[in-house]
PDBML (XML) file of the C-alpha atoms, coordinates in Angstrom:
<?xml version="1.0" encoding="UTF-8" ?>
<PDBx:datablock datablockName="MODEL"
   xmlns:PDBx="http://pdbml.pdb.org/schema/pdbx-v50.xsd"
   xmlns:xsi="http://www.w3.org/2001/XMLSchema-instance"
   xsi:schemaLocation="http://pdbml.pdb.org/schema/pdbx-v50.xsd pdbx-v50.xsd">
   <PDBx:atom_siteCategory>
      <PDBx:atom_site id="1">
         <PDBx:B_iso_or_equiv>0.00</PDBx:B_iso_or_equiv>
         <PDBx:Cartn_x>7.021</PDBx:Cartn_x>
         <PDBx:Cartn_y>-6.058</PDBx:Cartn_y>
         <PDBx:Cartn_z>1.569</PDBx:Cartn_z>
         <PDBx:auth_asym_id>A</PDBx:auth_asym_id>
         <PDBx:auth_atom_id>CA</PDBx:auth_atom_id>
         <PDBx:auth_comp_id>PRO</PDBx:auth_comp_id>
         <PDBx:auth_seq_id>1</PDBx:auth_seq_id>
         <PDBx:group_PDB>ATOM</PDBx:group_PDB>
         <PDBx:label_alt_id xsi:nil="true" />
         <PDBx:label_asym_id>A</PDBx:label_asym_id>
         <PDBx:label_atom_id>CA</PDBx:label_atom_id>
         <PDBx:label_comp_id>PRO</PDBx:label_comp_id>
         <PDBx:label_entity_id>1</PDBx:label_entity_id>
         <PDBx:label_seq_id>1</PDBx:label_seq_id>
         <PDBx:occupancy>1.00</PDBx:occupancy>
         <PDBx:pdbx_PDB_model_num>1</PDBx:pdbx_PDB_model_num>
         <PDBx:type_symbol>C</PDBx:type_symbol>
      </PDBx:atom_site>
      <PDBx:atom_site id="2">
         <PDBx:B_iso_or_equiv>0.00</PDBx:B_iso_or_equiv>
         <PDBx:Cartn_x>7.147</PDBx:Cartn_x>
         <PDBx:Cartn_y>-6.245</PDBx:Cartn_y>
         <PDBx:Cartn_z>5.346</PDBx:Cartn_z>
         <PDBx:auth_asym_id>A</PDBx:auth_asym_id>
         <PDBx:auth_atom_id>CA</PDBx:auth_atom_id>
         <PDBx:auth_comp_id>VAL</PDBx:auth_comp_id>
         <PDBx:auth_seq_id>2</PDBx:auth_seq_id>
         <PDBx:group_PDB>ATOM</PDBx:group_PDB>
         <PDBx:label_alt_id xsi:nil="true" />
         <PDBx:label_asym_id>A</PDBx:label_asym_id>
         <PDBx:label_atom_id>CA</PDBx:label_atom_id>
         <PDBx:label_comp_id>VAL</PDBx:label_comp_id>
         <PDBx:label_entity_id>1</PDBx:label_entity_id>
         <PDBx:label_seq_id>2</PDBx:label_seq_id>
         <PDBx:occupancy>1.00</PDBx:occupancy>
         <PDBx:pdbx_PDB_model_num>1</PDBx:pdbx_PDB_model_num>
         <PDBx:type_symbol>C</PDBx:type_symbol>
      </PDBx:atom_site>
      <PDBx:atom_site id="3">
         <PDBx:B_iso_or_equiv>0.00</PDBx:B_iso_or_equiv>
         <PDBx:Cartn_x>4.096</PDBx:Cartn_x>
         <PDBx:Cartn_y>-8.541</PDBx:Cartn_y>
         <PDBx:Cartn_z>5.462</PDBx:Cartn_z>
         <PDBx:auth_asym_id>A</PDBx:auth_asym_id>
         <PDBx:auth_atom_id>CA</PDBx:auth_atom_id>
         <PDBx:auth_comp_id>SER</PDBx:auth_comp_id>
         <PDBx:auth_seq_id>3</PDBx:auth_seq_id>
         <PDBx:group_PDB>ATOM</PDBx:group_PDB>
         <PDBx:label_alt_id xsi:nil="true" />
         <PDBx:label_asym_id>A</PDBx:label_asym_id>
         <PDBx:label_atom_id>CA</PDBx:label_atom_id>
         <PDBx:label_comp_id>SER</PDBx:label_comp_id>
         <PDBx:label_entity_id>1</PDBx:label_entity_id>
         <PDBx:label_seq_id>3</PDBx:label_seq_id>
         <PDBx:occupancy>1.00</PDBx:occupancy>
         <PDBx:pdbx_PDB_model_num>1</PDBx:pdbx_PDB_model_num>
         <PDBx:type_symbol>C</PDBx:type_symbol>
      </PDBx:atom_site>
      <PDBx:atom_site id="4">
         <PDBx:B_iso_or_equiv>0.00</PDBx:B_iso_or_equiv>
         <PDBx:Cartn_x>5.764</PDBx:Cartn_x>
         <PDBx:Cartn_y>-11.042</PDBx:Cartn_y>
         <PDBx:Cartn_z>3.143</PDBx:Cartn_z>
         <PDBx:auth_asym_id>A</PDBx:auth_asym_id>
         <PDBx:auth_atom_id>CA</PDBx:auth_atom_id>
         <PDBx:auth_comp_id>GLY</PDBx:auth_comp_id>
         <PDBx:auth_seq_id>4</PDBx:auth_seq_id>
         <PDBx:group_PDB>ATOM</PDBx:group_PDB>
         <PDBx:label_alt_id xsi:nil="true" />
         <PDBx:label_asym_id>A</PDBx:label_asym_id>
         <PDBx:label_atom_id>CA</PDBx:label_atom_id>
         <PDBx:label_comp_id>GLY</PDBx:label_comp_id>
         <PDBx:label_entity_id>1</PDBx:label_entity_id>
         <PDBx:label_seq_id>4</PDBx:label_seq_id>
         <PDBx:occupancy>1.00</PDBx:occupancy>
         <PDBx:pdbx_PDB_model_num>1</PDBx:pdbx_PDB_model_num>
         <PDBx:type_symbol>C</PDBx:type_symbol>
      </PDBx:atom_site>
      <PDBx:atom_site id="5">
         <PDBx:B_iso_or_equiv>0.00</PDBx:B_iso_or_equiv>
         <PDBx:Cartn_x>2.903</PDBx:Cartn_x>
         <PDBx:Cartn_y>-10.762</PDBx:Cartn_y>
         <PDBx:Cartn_z>0.638</PDBx:Cartn_z>
         <PDBx:auth_asym_id>A</PDBx:auth_asym_id>
         <PDBx:auth_atom_id>CA</PDBx:auth_atom_id>
         <PDBx:auth_comp_id>TYR</PDBx:auth_comp_id>
         <PDBx:auth_seq_id>5</PDBx:auth_seq_id>
         <PDBx:group_PDB>ATOM</PDBx:group_PDB>
         <PDBx:label_alt_id xsi:nil="true" />
         <PDBx:label_asym_id>A</PDBx:label_asym_id>
         <PDBx:label_atom_id>CA</PDBx:label_atom_id>
         <PDBx:label_comp_id>TYR</PDBx:label_comp_id>
         <PDBx:label_entity_id>1</PDBx:label_entity_id>
         <PDBx:label_seq_id>5</PDBx:label_seq_id>
         <PDBx:occupancy>1.00</PDBx:occupancy>
         <PDBx:pdbx_PDB_model_num>1</PDBx:pdbx_PDB_model_num>
         <PDBx:type_symbol>C</PDBx:type_symbol>
      </PDBx:atom_site>
      <PDBx:atom_site id="6">
         <PDBx:B_iso_or_equiv>0.00</PDBx:B_iso_or_equiv>
         <PDBx:Cartn_x>3.137</PDBx:Cartn_x>
         <PDBx:Cartn_y>-8.613</PDBx:Cartn_y>
         <PDBx:Cartn_z>-2.490</PDBx:Cartn_z>
         <PDBx:auth_asym_id>A</PDBx:auth_asym_id>
         <PDBx:auth_atom_id>CA</PDBx:auth_atom_id>
         <PDBx:auth_comp_id>PRO</PDBx:auth_comp_id>
         <PDBx:auth_seq_id>6</PDBx:auth_seq_id>
         <PDBx:group_PDB>ATOM</PDBx:group_PDB>
         <PDBx:label_alt_id xsi:nil="true" />
         <PDBx:label_asym_id>A</PDBx:label_asym_id>
         <PDBx:label_atom_id>CA</PDBx:label_atom_id>
         <PDBx:label_comp_id>PRO</PDBx:label_comp_id>
         <PDBx:label_entity_id>1</PDBx:label_entity_id>
         <PDBx:label_seq_id>6</PDBx:label_seq_id>
         <PDBx:occupancy>1.00</PDBx:occupancy>
         <PDBx:pdbx_PDB_model_num>1</PDBx:pdbx_PDB_model_num>
         <PDBx:type_symbol>C</PDBx:type_symbol>
      </PDBx:atom_site>
      <PDBx:atom_site id="7">
         <PDBx:B_iso_or_equiv>0.00</PDBx:B_iso_or_equiv>
         <PDBx:Cartn_x>0.945</PDBx:Cartn_x>
         <PDBx:Cartn_y>-5.536</PDBx:Cartn_y>
         <PDBx:Cartn_z>-2.860</PDBx:Cartn_z>
         <PDBx:auth_asym_id>A</PDBx:auth_asym_id>
         <PDBx:auth_atom_id>CA</PDBx:auth_atom_id>
         <PDBx:auth_comp_id>TRP</PDBx:auth_comp_id>
         <PDBx:auth_seq_id>7</PDBx:auth_seq_id>
         <PDBx:group_PDB>ATOM</PDBx:group_PDB>
         <PDBx:label_alt_id xsi:nil="true" />
         <PDBx:label_asym_id>A</PDBx:label_asym_id>
         <PDBx:label_atom_id>CA</PDBx:label_atom_id>
         <PDBx:label_comp_id>TRP</PDBx:label_comp_id>
         <PDBx:label_entity_id>1</PDBx:label_entity_id>
         <PDBx:label_seq_id>7</PDBx:label_seq_id>
         <PDBx:occupancy>1.00</PDBx:occupancy>
         <PDBx:pdbx_PDB_model_num>1</PDBx:pdbx_PDB_model_num>
         <PDBx:type_symbol>C</PDBx:type_symbol>
      </PDBx:atom_site>
      <PDBx:atom_site id="8">
         <PDBx:B_iso_or_equiv>0.00</PDBx:B_iso_or_equiv>
         <PDBx:Cartn_x>-1.991</PDBx:Cartn_x>
         <PDBx:Cartn_y>-6.004</PDBx:Cartn_y>
         <PDBx:Cartn_z>-5.246</PDBx:Cartn_z>
         <PDBx:auth_asym_id>A</PDBx:auth_asym_id>
         <PDBx:auth_atom_id>CA</PDBx:auth_atom_id>
         <PDBx:auth_comp_id>GLN</PDBx:auth_comp_id>
         <PDBx:auth_seq_id>8</PDBx:auth_seq_id>
         <PDBx:group_PDB>ATOM</PDBx:group_PDB>
         <PDBx:label_alt_id xsi:nil="true" />
         <PDBx:label_asym_id>A</PDBx:label_asym_id>
         <PDBx:label_atom_id>CA</PDBx:label_atom_id>
         <PDBx:label_comp_id>GLN</PDBx:label_comp_id>
         <PDBx:label_entity_id>1</PDBx:label_entity_id>
         <PDBx:label_seq_id>8</PDBx:label_seq_id>
         <PDBx:occupancy>1.00</PDBx:occupancy>
         <PDBx:pdbx_PDB_model_num>1</PDBx:pdbx_PDB_model_num>
         <PDBx:type_symbol>C</PDBx:type_symbol>
      </PDBx:atom_site>
      <PDBx:atom_site id="9">
         <PDBx:B_iso_or_equiv>0.00</PDBx:B_iso_or_equiv>
         <PDBx:Cartn_x>-2.348</PDBx:Cartn_x>
         <PDBx:Cartn_y>-3.707</PDBx:Cartn_y>
         <PDBx:Cartn_z>-8.235</PDBx:Cartn_z>
         <PDBx:auth_asym_id>A</PDBx:auth_asym_id>
         <PDBx:auth_atom_id>CA</PDBx:auth_atom_id>
         <PDBx:auth_comp_id>ASP</PDBx:auth_comp_id>
         <PDBx:auth_seq_id>9</PDBx:auth_seq_id>
         <PDBx:group_PDB>ATOM</PDBx:group_PDB>
         <PDBx:label_alt_id xsi:nil="true" />
         <PDBx:label_asym_id>A</PDBx:label_asym_id>
         <PDBx:label_atom_id>CA</PDBx:label_atom_id>
         <PDBx:label_comp_id>ASP</PDBx:label_comp_id>
         <PDBx:label_entity_id>1</PDBx:label_entity_id>
         <PDBx:label_seq_id>9</PDBx:label_seq_id>
         <PDBx:occupancy>1.00</PDBx:occupancy>
         <PDBx:pdbx_PDB_model_num>1</PDBx:pdbx_PDB_model_num>
         <PDBx:type_symbol>C</PDBx:type_symbol>
      </PDBx:atom_site>
      <PDBx:atom_site id="10">
         <PDBx:B_iso_or_equiv>0.00</PDBx:B_iso_or_equiv>
         <PDBx:Cartn_x>-6.099</PDBx:Cartn_x>
         <PDBx:Cartn_y>-4.314</PDBx:Cartn_y>
         <PDBx:Cartn_z>-8.479</PDBx:Cartn_z>
         <PDBx:auth_asym_id>A</PDBx:auth_asym_id>
         <PDBx:auth_atom_id>CA</PDBx:auth_atom_id>
         <PDBx:auth_comp_id>ASP</PDBx:auth_comp_id>
         <PDBx:auth_seq_id>10</PDBx:auth_seq_id>
         <PDBx:group_PDB>ATOM</PDBx:group_PDB>
         <PDBx:label_alt_id xsi:nil="true" />
         <PDBx:label_asym_id>A</PDBx:label_asym_id>
         <PDBx:label_atom_id>CA</PDBx:label_atom_id>
         <PDBx:label_comp_id>ASP</PDBx:label_comp_id>
         <PDBx:label_entity_id>1</PDBx:label_entity_id>
         <PDBx:label_seq_id>10</PDBx:label_seq_id>
         <PDBx:occupancy>1.00</PDBx:occupancy>
         <PDBx:pdbx_PDB_model_num>1</PDBx:pdbx_PDB_model_num>
         <PDBx:type_symbol>C</PDBx:type_symbol>
      </PDBx:atom_site>
      <PDBx:atom_site id="11">
         <PDBx:B_iso_or_equiv>0.00</PDBx:B_iso_or_equiv>
         <PDBx:Cartn_x>-6.797</PDBx:Cartn_x>
         <PDBx:Cartn_y>-3.655</PDBx:Cartn_y>
         <PDBx:Cartn_z>-4.784</PDBx:Cartn_z>
         <PDBx:auth_asym_id>A</PDBx:auth_asym_id>
         <PDBx:auth_atom_id>CA</PDBx:auth_atom_id>
         <PDBx:auth_comp_id>ASP</PDBx:auth_comp_id>
         <PDBx:auth_seq_id>11</PDBx:auth_seq_id>
         <PDBx:group_PDB>ATOM</PDBx:group_PDB>
         <PDBx:label_alt_id xsi:nil="true" />
         <PDBx:label_asym_id>A</PDBx:label_asym_id>
         <PDBx:label_atom_id>CA</PDBx:label_atom_id>
         <PDBx:label_comp_id>ASP</PDBx:label_comp_id>
         <PDBx:label_entity_id>1</PDBx:label_entity_id>
         <PDBx:label_seq_id>11</PDBx:label_seq_id>
         <PDBx:occupancy>1.00</PDBx:occupancy>
         <PDBx:pdbx_PDB_model_num>1</PDBx:pdbx_PDB_model_num>
         <PDBx:type_symbol>C</PDBx:type_symbol>
      </PDBx:atom_site>
      <PDBx:atom_site id="12">
         <PDBx:B_iso_or_equiv>0.00</PDBx:B_iso_or_equiv>
         <PDBx:Cartn_x>-7.959</PDBx:Cartn_x>
         <PDBx:Cartn_y>-0.087</PDBx:Cartn_y>
         <PDBx:Cartn_z>-4.250</PDBx:Cartn_z>
         <PDBx:auth_asym_id>A</PDBx:auth_asym_id>
         <PDBx:auth_atom_id>CA</PDBx:auth_atom_id>
         <PDBx:auth_comp_id>ILE</PDBx:auth_comp_id>
         <PDBx:auth_seq_id>12</PDBx:auth_seq_id>
         <PDBx:group_PDB>ATOM</PDBx:group_PDB>
         <PDBx:label_alt_id xsi:nil="true" />
         <PDBx:label_asym_id>A</PDBx:label_asym_id>
         <PDBx:label_atom_id>CA</PDBx:label_atom_id>
         <PDBx:label_comp_id>ILE</PDBx:label_comp_id>
         <PDBx:label_entity_id>1</PDBx:label_entity_id>
         <PDBx:label_seq_id>12</PDBx:label_seq_id>
         <PDBx:occupancy>1.00</PDBx:occupancy>
         <PDBx:pdbx_PDB_model_num>1</PDBx:pdbx_PDB_model_num>
         <PDBx:type_symbol>C</PDBx:type_symbol>
      </PDBx:atom_site>
      <PDBx:atom_site id="13">
         <PDBx:B_iso_or_equiv>0.00</PDBx:B_iso_or_equiv>
         <PDBx:Cartn_x>-7.078</PDBx:Cartn_x>
         <PDBx:Cartn_y>-0.309</PDBx:Cartn_y>
         <PDBx:Cartn_z>-0.549</PDBx:Cartn_z>
         <PDBx:auth_asym_id>A</PDBx:auth_asym_id>
         <PDBx:auth_atom_id>CA</PDBx:auth_atom_id>
         <PDBx:auth_comp_id>SER</PDBx:auth_comp_id>
         <PDBx:auth_seq_id>13</PDBx:auth_seq_id>
         <PDBx:group_PDB>ATOM</PDBx:group_PDB>
         <PDBx:label_alt_id xsi:nil="true" />
         <PDBx:label_asym_id>A</PDBx:label_asym_id>
         <PDBx:label_atom_id>CA</PDBx:label_atom_id>
         <PDBx:label_comp_id>SER</PDBx:label_comp_id>
         <PDBx:label_entity_id>1</PDBx:label_entity_id>
         <PDBx:label_seq_id>13</PDBx:label_seq_id>
         <PDBx:occupancy>1.00</PDBx:occupancy>
         <PDBx:pdbx_PDB_model_num>1</PDBx:pdbx_PDB_model_num>
         <PDBx:type_symbol>C</PDBx:type_symbol>
      </PDBx:atom_site>
      <PDBx:atom_site id="14">
         <PDBx:B_iso_or_equiv>0.00</PDBx:B_iso_or_equiv>
         <PDBx:Cartn_x>-3.411</PDBx:Cartn_x>
         <PDBx:Cartn_y>-0.903</PDBx:Cartn_y>
         <PDBx:Cartn_z>-1.370</PDBx:Cartn_z>
         <PDBx:auth_asym_id>A</PDBx:auth_asym_id>
         <PDBx:auth_atom_id>CA</PDBx:auth_atom_id>
         <PDBx:auth_comp_id>ASP</PDBx:auth_comp_id>
         <PDBx:auth_seq_id>14</PDBx:auth_seq_id>
         <PDBx:group_PDB>ATOM</PDBx:group_PDB>
         <PDBx:label_alt_id xsi:nil="true" />
         <PDBx:label_asym_id>A</PDBx:label_asym_id>
         <PDBx:label_atom_id>CA</PDBx:label_atom_id>
         <PDBx:label_comp_id>ASP</PDBx:label_comp_id>
         <PDBx:label_entity_id>1</PDBx:label_entity_id>
         <PDBx:label_seq_id>14</PDBx:label_seq_id>
         <PDBx:occupancy>1.00</PDBx:occupancy>
         <PDBx:pdbx_PDB_model_num>1</PDBx:pdbx_PDB_model_num>
         <PDBx:type_symbol>C</PDBx:type_symbol>
      </PDBx:atom_site>
      <PDBx:atom_site id="15">
         <PDBx:B_iso_or_equiv>0.00</PDBx:B_iso_or_equiv>
         <PDBx:Cartn_x>-3.381</PDBx:Cartn_x>
         <PDBx:Cartn_y>2.083</PDBx:Cartn_y>
         <PDBx:Cartn_z>-3.740</PDBx:Cartn_z>
         <PDBx:auth_asym_id>A</PDBx:auth_asym_id>
         <PDBx:auth_atom_id>CA</PDBx:auth_atom_id>
         <PDBx:auth_comp_id>ILE</PDBx:auth_comp_id>
         <PDBx:auth_seq_id>15</PDBx:auth_seq_id>
         <PDBx:group_PDB>ATOM</PDBx:group_PDB>
         <PDBx:label_alt_id xsi:nil="true" />
         <PDBx:label_asym_id>A</PDBx:label_asym_id>
         <PDBx:label_atom_id>CA</PDBx:label_atom_id>
         <PDBx:label_comp_id>ILE</PDBx:label_comp_id>
         <PDBx:label_entity_id>1</PDBx:label_entity_id>
         <PDBx:label_seq_id>15</PDBx:label_seq_id>
         <PDBx:occupancy>1.00</PDBx:occupancy>
         <PDBx:pdbx_PDB_model_num>1</PDBx:pdbx_PDB_model_num>
         <PDBx:type_symbol>C</PDBx:type_symbol>
      </PDBx:atom_site>
      <PDBx:atom_site id="16">
         <PDBx:B_iso_or_equiv>0.00</PDBx:B_iso_or_equiv>
         <PDBx:Cartn_x>-4.977</PDBx:Cartn_x>
         <PDBx:Cartn_y>4.345</PDBx:Cartn_y>
         <PDBx:Cartn_z>-1.121</PDBx:Cartn_z>
         <PDBx:auth_asym_id>A</PDBx:auth_asym_id>
         <PDBx:auth_atom_id>CA</PDBx:auth_atom_id>
         <PDBx:auth_comp_id>MET</PDBx:auth_comp_id>
         <PDBx:auth_seq_id>16</PDBx:auth_seq_id>
         <PDBx:group_PDB>ATOM</PDBx:group_PDB>
         <PDBx:label_alt_id xsi:nil="true" />
         <PDBx:label_asym_id>A</PDBx:label_asym_id>
         <PDBx:label_atom_id>CA</PDBx:label_atom_id>
         <PDBx:label_comp_id>MET</PDBx:label_comp_id>
         <PDBx:label_entity_id>1</PDBx:label_entity_id>
         <PDBx:label_seq_id>16</PDBx:label_seq_id>
         <PDBx:occupancy>1.00</PDBx:occupancy>
         <PDBx:pdbx_PDB_model_num>1</PDBx:pdbx_PDB_model_num>
         <PDBx:type_symbol>C</PDBx:type_symbol>
      </PDBx:atom_site>
      <PDBx:atom_site id="17">
         <PDBx:B_iso_or_equiv>0.00</PDBx:B_iso_or_equiv>
         <PDBx:Cartn_x>-2.617</PDBx:Cartn_x>
         <PDBx:Cartn_y>3.259</PDBx:Cartn_y>
         <PDBx:Cartn_z>1.643</PDBx:Cartn_z>
         <PDBx:auth_asym_id>A</PDBx:auth_asym_id>
         <PDBx:auth_atom_id>CA</PDBx:auth_atom_id>
         <PDBx:auth_comp_id>PHE</PDBx:auth_comp_id>
         <PDBx:auth_seq_id>17</PDBx:auth_seq_id>
         <PDBx:group_PDB>ATOM</PDBx:group_PDB>
         <PDBx:label_alt_id xsi:nil="true" />
         <PDBx:label_asym_id>A</PDBx:label_asym_id>
         <PDBx:label_atom_id>CA</PDBx:label_atom_id>
         <PDBx:label_comp_id>PHE</PDBx:label_comp_id>
         <PDBx:label_entity_id>1</PDBx:label_entity_id>
         <PDBx:label_seq_id>17</PDBx:label_seq_id>
         <PDBx:occupancy>1.00</PDBx:occupancy>
         <PDBx:pdbx_PDB_model_num>1</PDBx:pdbx_PDB_model_num>
         <PDBx:type_symbol>C</PDBx:type_symbol>
      </PDBx:atom_site>
      <PDBx:atom_site id="18">
         <PDBx:B_iso_or_equiv>0.00</PDBx:B_iso_or_equiv>
         <PDBx:Cartn_x>0.396</PDBx:Cartn_x>
         <PDBx:Cartn_y>4.180</PDBx:Cartn_y>
         <PDBx:Cartn_z>-0.499</PDBx:Cartn_z>
         <PDBx:auth_asym_id>A</PDBx:auth_asym_id>
         <PDBx:auth_atom_id>CA</PDBx:auth_atom_id>
         <PDBx:auth_comp_id>ILE</PDBx:auth_comp_id>
         <PDBx:auth_seq_id>18</PDBx:auth_seq_id>
         <PDBx:group_PDB>ATOM</PDBx:group_PDB>
         <PDBx:label_alt_id xsi:nil="true" />
         <PDBx:label_asym_id>A</PDBx:label_asym_id>
         <PDBx:label_atom_id>CA</PDBx:label_atom_id>
         <PDBx:label_comp_id>ILE</PDBx:label_comp_id>
         <PDBx:label_entity_id>1</PDBx:label_entity_id>
         <PDBx:label_seq_id>18</PDBx:label_seq_id>
         <PDBx:occupancy>1.00</PDBx:occupancy>
         <PDBx:pdbx_PDB_model_num>1</PDBx:pdbx_PDB_model_num>
         <PDBx:type_symbol>C</PDBx:type_symbol>
      </PDBx:atom_site>
      <PDBx:atom_site id="19">
         <PDBx:B_iso_or_equiv>0.00</PDBx:B_iso_or_equiv>
         <PDBx:Cartn_x>-0.732</PDBx:Cartn_x>
         <PDBx:Cartn_y>7.802</PDBx:Cartn_y>
         <PDBx:Cartn_z>-0.341</PDBx:Cartn_z>
         <PDBx:auth_asym_id>A</PDBx:auth_asym_id>
         <PDBx:auth_atom_id>CA</PDBx:auth_atom_id>
         <PDBx:auth_comp_id>THR</PDBx:auth_comp_id>
         <PDBx:auth_seq_id>19</PDBx:auth_seq_id>
         <PDBx:group_PDB>ATOM</PDBx:group_PDB>
         <PDBx:label_alt_id xsi:nil="true" />
         <PDBx:label_asym_id>A</PDBx:label_asym_id>
         <PDBx:label_atom_id>CA</PDBx:label_atom_id>
         <PDBx:label_comp_id>THR</PDBx:label_comp_id>
         <PDBx:label_entity_id>1</PDBx:label_entity_id>
         <PDBx:label_seq_id>19</PDBx:label_seq_id>
         <PDBx:occupancy>1.00</PDBx:occupancy>
         <PDBx:pdbx_PDB_model_num>1</PDBx:pdbx_PDB_model_num>
         <PDBx:type_symbol>C</PDBx:type_symbol>
      </PDBx:atom_site>
      <PDBx:atom_site id="20">
         <PDBx:B_iso_or_equiv>0.00</PDBx:B_iso_or_equiv>
         <PDBx:Cartn_x>-1.348</PDBx:Cartn_x>
         <PDBx:Cartn_y>7.420</PDBx:Cartn_y>
         <PDBx:Cartn_z>3.395</PDBx:Cartn_z>
         <PDBx:auth_asym_id>A</PDBx:auth_asym_id>
         <PDBx:auth_atom_id>CA</PDBx:auth_atom_id>
         <PDBx:auth_comp_id>THR</PDBx:auth_comp_id>
         <PDBx:auth_seq_id>20</PDBx:auth_seq_id>
         <PDBx:group_PDB>ATOM</PDBx:group_PDB>
         <PDBx:label_alt_id xsi:nil="true" />
         <PDBx:label_asym_id>A</PDBx:label_asym_id>
         <PDBx:label_atom_id>CA</PDBx:label_atom_id>
         <PDBx:label_comp_id>THR</PDBx:label_comp_id>
         <PDBx:label_entity_id>1</PDBx:label_entity_id>
         <PDBx:label_seq_id>20</PDBx:label_seq_id>
         <PDBx:occupancy>1.00</PDBx:occupancy>
         <PDBx:pdbx_PDB_model_num>1</PDBx:pdbx_PDB_model_num>
         <PDBx:type_symbol>C</PDBx:type_symbol>
      </PDBx:atom_site>
      <PDBx:atom_site id="21">
         <PDBx:B_iso_or_equiv>0.00</PDBx:B_iso_or_equiv>
         <PDBx:Cartn_x>2.207</PDBx:Cartn_x>
         <PDBx:Cartn_y>6.120</PDBx:Cartn_y>
         <PDBx:Cartn_z>3.894</PDBx:Cartn_z>
         <PDBx:auth_asym_id>A</PDBx:auth_asym_id>
         <PDBx:auth_atom_id>CA</PDBx:auth_atom_id>
         <PDBx:auth_comp_id>PHE</PDBx:auth_comp_id>
         <PDBx:auth_seq_id>21</PDBx:auth_seq_id>
         <PDBx:group_PDB>ATOM</PDBx:group_PDB>
         <PDBx:label_alt_id xsi:nil="true" />
         <PDBx:label_asym_id>A</PDBx:label_asym_id>
         <PDBx:label_atom_id>CA</PDBx:label_atom_id>
         <PDBx:label_comp_id>PHE</PDBx:label_comp_id>
         <PDBx:label_entity_id>1</PDBx:label_entity_id>
         <PDBx:label_seq_id>21</PDBx:label_seq_id>
         <PDBx:occupancy>1.00</PDBx:occupancy>
         <PDBx:pdbx_PDB_model_num>1</PDBx:pdbx_PDB_model_num>
         <PDBx:type_symbol>C</PDBx:type_symbol>
      </PDBx:atom_site>
      <PDBx:atom_site id="22">
         <PDBx:B_iso_or_equiv>0.00</PDBx:B_iso_or_equiv>
         <PDBx:Cartn_x>3.512</PDBx:Cartn_x>
         <PDBx:Cartn_y>9.068</PDBx:Cartn_y>
         <PDBx:Cartn_z>1.881</PDBx:Cartn_z>
         <PDBx:auth_asym_id>A</PDBx:auth_asym_id>
         <PDBx:auth_atom_id>CA</PDBx:auth_atom_id>
         <PDBx:auth_comp_id>PHE</PDBx:auth_comp_id>
         <PDBx:auth_seq_id>22</PDBx:auth_seq_id>
         <PDBx:group_PDB>ATOM</PDBx:group_PDB>
         <PDBx:label_alt_id xsi:nil="true" />
         <PDBx:label_asym_id>A</PDBx:label_asym_id>
         <PDBx:label_atom_id>CA</PDBx:label_atom_id>
         <PDBx:label_comp_id>PHE</PDBx:label_comp_id>
         <PDBx:label_entity_id>1</PDBx:label_entity_id>
         <PDBx:label_seq_id>22</PDBx:label_seq_id>
         <PDBx:occupancy>1.00</PDBx:occupancy>
         <PDBx:pdbx_PDB_model_num>1</PDBx:pdbx_PDB_model_num>
         <PDBx:type_symbol>C</PDBx:type_symbol>
      </PDBx:atom_site>
      <PDBx:atom_site id="23">
         <PDBx:B_iso_or_equiv>0.00</PDBx:B_iso_or_equiv>
         <PDBx:Cartn_x>1.707</PDBx:Cartn_x>
         <PDBx:Cartn_y>11.504</PDBx:Cartn_y>
         <PDBx:Cartn_z>4.189</PDBx:Cartn_z>
         <PDBx:auth_asym_id>A</PDBx:auth_asym_id>
         <PDBx:auth_atom_id>CA</PDBx:auth_atom_id>
         <PDBx:auth_comp_id>CYS</PDBx:auth_comp_id>
         <PDBx:auth_seq_id>23</PDBx:auth_seq_id>
         <PDBx:group_PDB>ATOM</PDBx:group_PDB>
         <PDBx:label_alt_id xsi:nil="true" />
         <PDBx:label_asym_id>A</PDBx:label_asym_id>
         <PDBx:label_atom_id>CA</PDBx:label_atom_id>
         <PDBx:label_comp_id>CYS</PDBx:label_comp_id>
         <PDBx:label_entity_id>1</PDBx:label_entity_id>
         <PDBx:label_seq_id>23</PDBx:label_seq_id>
         <PDBx:occupancy>1.00</PDBx:occupancy>
         <PDBx:pdbx_PDB_model_num>1</PDBx:pdbx_PDB_model_num>
         <PDBx:type_symbol>C</PDBx:type_symbol>
      </PDBx:atom_site>
      <PDBx:atom_site id="24">
         <PDBx:B_iso_or_equiv>0.00</PDBx:B_iso_or_equiv>
         <PDBx:Cartn_x>3.242</PDBx:Cartn_x>
         <PDBx:Cartn_y>9.701</PDBx:Cartn_y>
         <PDBx:Cartn_z>7.179</PDBx:Cartn_z>
         <PDBx:auth_asym_id>A</PDBx:auth_asym_id>
         <PDBx:auth_atom_id>CA</PDBx:auth_atom_id>
         <PDBx:auth_comp_id>TRP</PDBx:auth_comp_id>
         <PDBx:auth_seq_id>24</PDBx:auth_seq_id>
         <PDBx:group_PDB>ATOM</PDBx:group_PDB>
         <PDBx:label_alt_id xsi:nil="true" />
         <PDBx:label_asym_id>A</PDBx:label_asym_id>
         <PDBx:label_atom_id>CA</PDBx:label_atom_id>
         <PDBx:label_comp_id>TRP</PDBx:label_comp_id>
         <PDBx:label_entity_id>1</PDBx:label_entity_id>
         <PDBx:label_seq_id>24</PDBx:label_seq_id>
         <PDBx:occupancy>1.00</PDBx:occupancy>
         <PDBx:pdbx_PDB_model_num>1</PDBx:pdbx_PDB_model_num>
         <PDBx:type_symbol>C</PDBx:type_symbol>
      </PDBx:atom_site>
      <PDBx:atom_site id="25">
         <PDBx:B_iso_or_equiv>0.00</PDBx:B_iso_or_equiv>
         <PDBx:Cartn_x>6.660</PDBx:Cartn_x>
         <PDBx:Cartn_y>10.293</PDBx:Cartn_y>
         <PDBx:Cartn_z>5.624</PDBx:Cartn_z>
         <PDBx:auth_asym_id>A</PDBx:auth_asym_id>
         <PDBx:auth_atom_id>CA</PDBx:auth_atom_id>
         <PDBx:auth_comp_id>HIS</PDBx:auth_comp_id>
         <PDBx:auth_seq_id>25</PDBx:auth_seq_id>
         <PDBx:group_PDB>ATOM</PDBx:group_PDB>
         <PDBx:label_alt_id xsi:nil="true" />
         <PDBx:label_asym_id>A</PDBx:label_asym_id>
         <PDBx:label_atom_id>CA</PDBx:label_atom_id>
         <PDBx:label_comp_id>HIS</PDBx:label_comp_id>
         <PDBx:label_entity_id>1</PDBx:label_entity_id>
         <PDBx:label_seq_id>25</PDBx:label_seq_id>
         <PDBx:occupancy>1.00</PDBx:occupancy>
         <PDBx:pdbx_PDB_model_num>1</PDBx:pdbx_PDB_model_num>
         <PDBx:type_symbol>C</PDBx:type_symbol>
      </PDBx:atom_site>
   </PDBx:atom_siteCategory>
</PDBx:datablock>
């Protein structure tokens, strides 16, 4: 991860931003 901190499986914000990153792609 670019931030140096692992993504959290139990954080809904991380899950939602994955889809956002996909749309950016």
